[in-house]
Amino acid sequence: MNRILATGLFLGATLLSGAAHAQANAMLLAQANDRCMTTYAVRMTKTDATDDAIFAAATEGCKELKAQLFGAIDKEYPADQASGLKSQLDAAEKPNFMKLLQKIRTDRLQRGAN
C-alpha cells in the first residue's frame, strides 16, 4: 500500500474511530472523505504529477470512503433527496479538488516553501 493511500485511510479511520460503536453518519463520512482527498492533494502537489493524475490518485485512494458516504446518504435521506445530494457531490468533486490544488500551490508560493 502506498504511503499516501495509507495516510488517507488512517485519517478516515481516525475520524471514524469515535463512531466505532455506532454506524458513521453521512456528515462524518463526508469529513473523512474530504480529509482523504486533501491528504492526496497536499502530498502529491510536491511531486511533478499533473493535476488530473493527482485527482485520479485521490479518487482511487479514497473510493472506499466515498462508497461508505454514499451508502450513509442512501440510509439517511429519502431516495429522491439522496440521489440529488450524490449528484451534487459528484458534480462538484473535480472542480473543488482543482481549486484546492491551486490554493495549496499558491499558499506554498506565498510562504516561500516548496
Protein backbone atom coordinates (compact mmCIF):
# COMPACT_ATOMS: atom_id res chain seq x y z
CA MET A 1 0.00 0.00 0.00
CA ASN A 2 1.50 3.35 -0.89
CA ARG A 3 2.23 5.91 1.78
CA ILE A 4 -0.35 8.48 0.61
CA LEU A 5 -3.12 5.90 0.50
CA ALA A 6 -2.18 4.63 3.94
CA THR A 7 -2.24 8.17 5.34
CA GLY A 8 -5.61 8.93 3.77
CA LEU A 9 -7.10 5.73 5.11
CA PHE A 10 -5.56 6.39 8.52
CA LEU A 11 -7.17 9.83 8.62
CA GLY A 12 -10.51 8.38 7.64
CA ALA A 13 -10.22 5.64 10.26
CA THR A 14 -9.21 8.19 12.89
CA LEU A 15 -12.27 10.29 12.17
CA LEU A 16 -14.48 7.24 12.30
CA SER A 17 -12.95 5.83 15.49
CA GLY A 18 -15.30 7.92 17.63
CA ALA A 19 -18.20 6.20 15.92
CA ALA A 20 -16.85 2.70 16.45
CA HIS A 21 -19.91 1.53 18.34
CA ALA A 22 -22.37 3.38 16.14
CA GLN A 23 -22.69 3.46 12.41
CA ALA A 24 -20.95 6.52 10.93
CA ASN A 25 -23.29 9.16 9.61
CA ALA A 26 -23.07 10.95 6.30
CA MET A 27 -21.61 14.15 7.78
CA LEU A 28 -18.77 12.29 9.49
CA LEU A 29 -18.07 10.28 6.36
CA ALA A 30 -18.10 13.45 4.22
CA GLN A 31 -15.47 14.96 6.51
CA ALA A 32 -13.36 11.80 6.35
CA ASN A 33 -13.61 11.74 2.55
CA ASP A 34 -12.61 15.42 2.33
CA ARG A 35 -9.60 14.82 4.56
CA CYS A 36 -8.58 11.82 2.49
CA MET A 37 -8.77 13.82 -0.75
CA THR A 38 -6.92 16.73 0.87
CA THR A 39 -4.12 14.43 2.02
CA TYR A 40 -3.54 13.34 -1.56
CA ALA A 41 -3.66 16.94 -2.76
CA VAL A 42 -1.14 18.21 -0.22
CA ARG A 43 1.35 15.41 -0.70
CA MET A 44 1.11 14.98 -4.45
CA THR A 45 1.44 18.70 -5.23
CA LYS A 46 5.00 18.24 -4.03
CA THR A 47 5.58 15.91 -6.99
CA ASP A 48 5.61 16.52 -10.73
CA ALA A 49 2.27 14.73 -11.20
CA THR A 50 -0.32 16.52 -13.31
CA ASP A 51 -3.49 17.82 -11.70
CA ASP A 52 -5.53 15.16 -13.47
CA ALA A 53 -3.18 12.44 -12.23
CA ILE A 54 -3.42 13.78 -8.67
CA PHE A 55 -7.22 13.83 -8.91
CA ALA A 56 -7.26 10.29 -10.29
CA ALA A 57 -4.99 9.02 -7.50
CA ALA A 58 -7.05 10.76 -4.82
CA THR A 59 -10.31 9.47 -6.27
CA GLU A 60 -8.97 5.91 -6.38
CA GLY A 61 -7.38 6.11 -2.95
CA CYS A 62 -10.50 7.49 -1.28
CA LYS A 63 -13.09 5.44 -3.15
CA GLU A 64 -13.96 3.23 -0.16
CA LEU A 65 -14.75 6.27 1.98
CA LYS A 66 -16.85 7.74 -0.82
CA ALA A 67 -18.75 4.46 -1.16
CA GLN A 68 -19.42 4.49 2.58
CA LEU A 69 -20.51 8.11 2.34
CA PHE A 70 -22.93 7.39 -0.47
CA GLY A 71 -24.28 4.38 1.45
CA ALA A 72 -24.88 6.56 4.50
CA ILE A 73 -26.62 9.19 2.37
CA ASP A 74 -28.89 6.47 0.98
CA LYS A 75 -29.79 5.38 4.53
CA GLU A 76 -30.25 8.87 5.99
CA TYR A 77 -32.23 10.61 3.26
CA PRO A 78 -35.30 9.85 1.17
CA ALA A 79 -34.37 8.31 -2.20
CA ASP A 80 -35.02 11.43 -4.30
CA GLN A 81 -33.08 13.66 -1.91
CA ALA A 82 -30.22 11.15 -1.62
CA SER A 83 -29.95 10.95 -5.40
CA GLY A 84 -29.76 14.73 -5.66
CA LEU A 85 -27.14 15.00 -2.92
CA LYS A 86 -24.95 12.36 -4.53
CA SER A 87 -25.27 14.03 -7.93
CA GLN A 88 -24.24 17.37 -6.43
CA LEU A 89 -21.25 15.82 -4.71
CA ASP A 90 -20.15 14.10 -7.91
CA ALA A 91 -20.56 17.29 -9.98
CA ALA A 92 -18.58 19.42 -7.52
CA GLU A 93 -15.84 16.90 -6.75
CA LYS A 94 -13.35 17.64 -9.55
CA PRO A 95 -13.82 21.45 -9.74
CA ASN A 96 -13.46 21.73 -5.97
CA PHE A 97 -10.39 19.49 -5.99
CA MET A 98 -8.74 21.56 -8.73
CA LYS A 99 -9.39 24.75 -6.72
CA LEU A 100 -7.83 23.04 -3.71
CA LEU A 101 -4.70 22.16 -5.71
CA GLN A 102 -4.41 25.77 -6.84
CA LYS A 103 -4.82 27.07 -3.28
CA ILE A 104 -2.20 24.67 -1.93
CA ARG A 105 0.32 25.80 -4.55
CA THR A 106 -0.49 29.49 -4.04
CA ASP A 107 -0.12 29.16 -0.27
CA ARG A 108 3.23 27.41 -0.68
CA LEU A 109 4.50 30.14 -3.00
CA GLN A 110 3.41 32.85 -0.57
CA ARG A 111 5.24 31.09 2.26
CA GLY A 112 8.28 30.58 0.06
CA ALA A 113 8.20 26.83 0.72
CA ASN A 114 8.28 24.04 -1.86
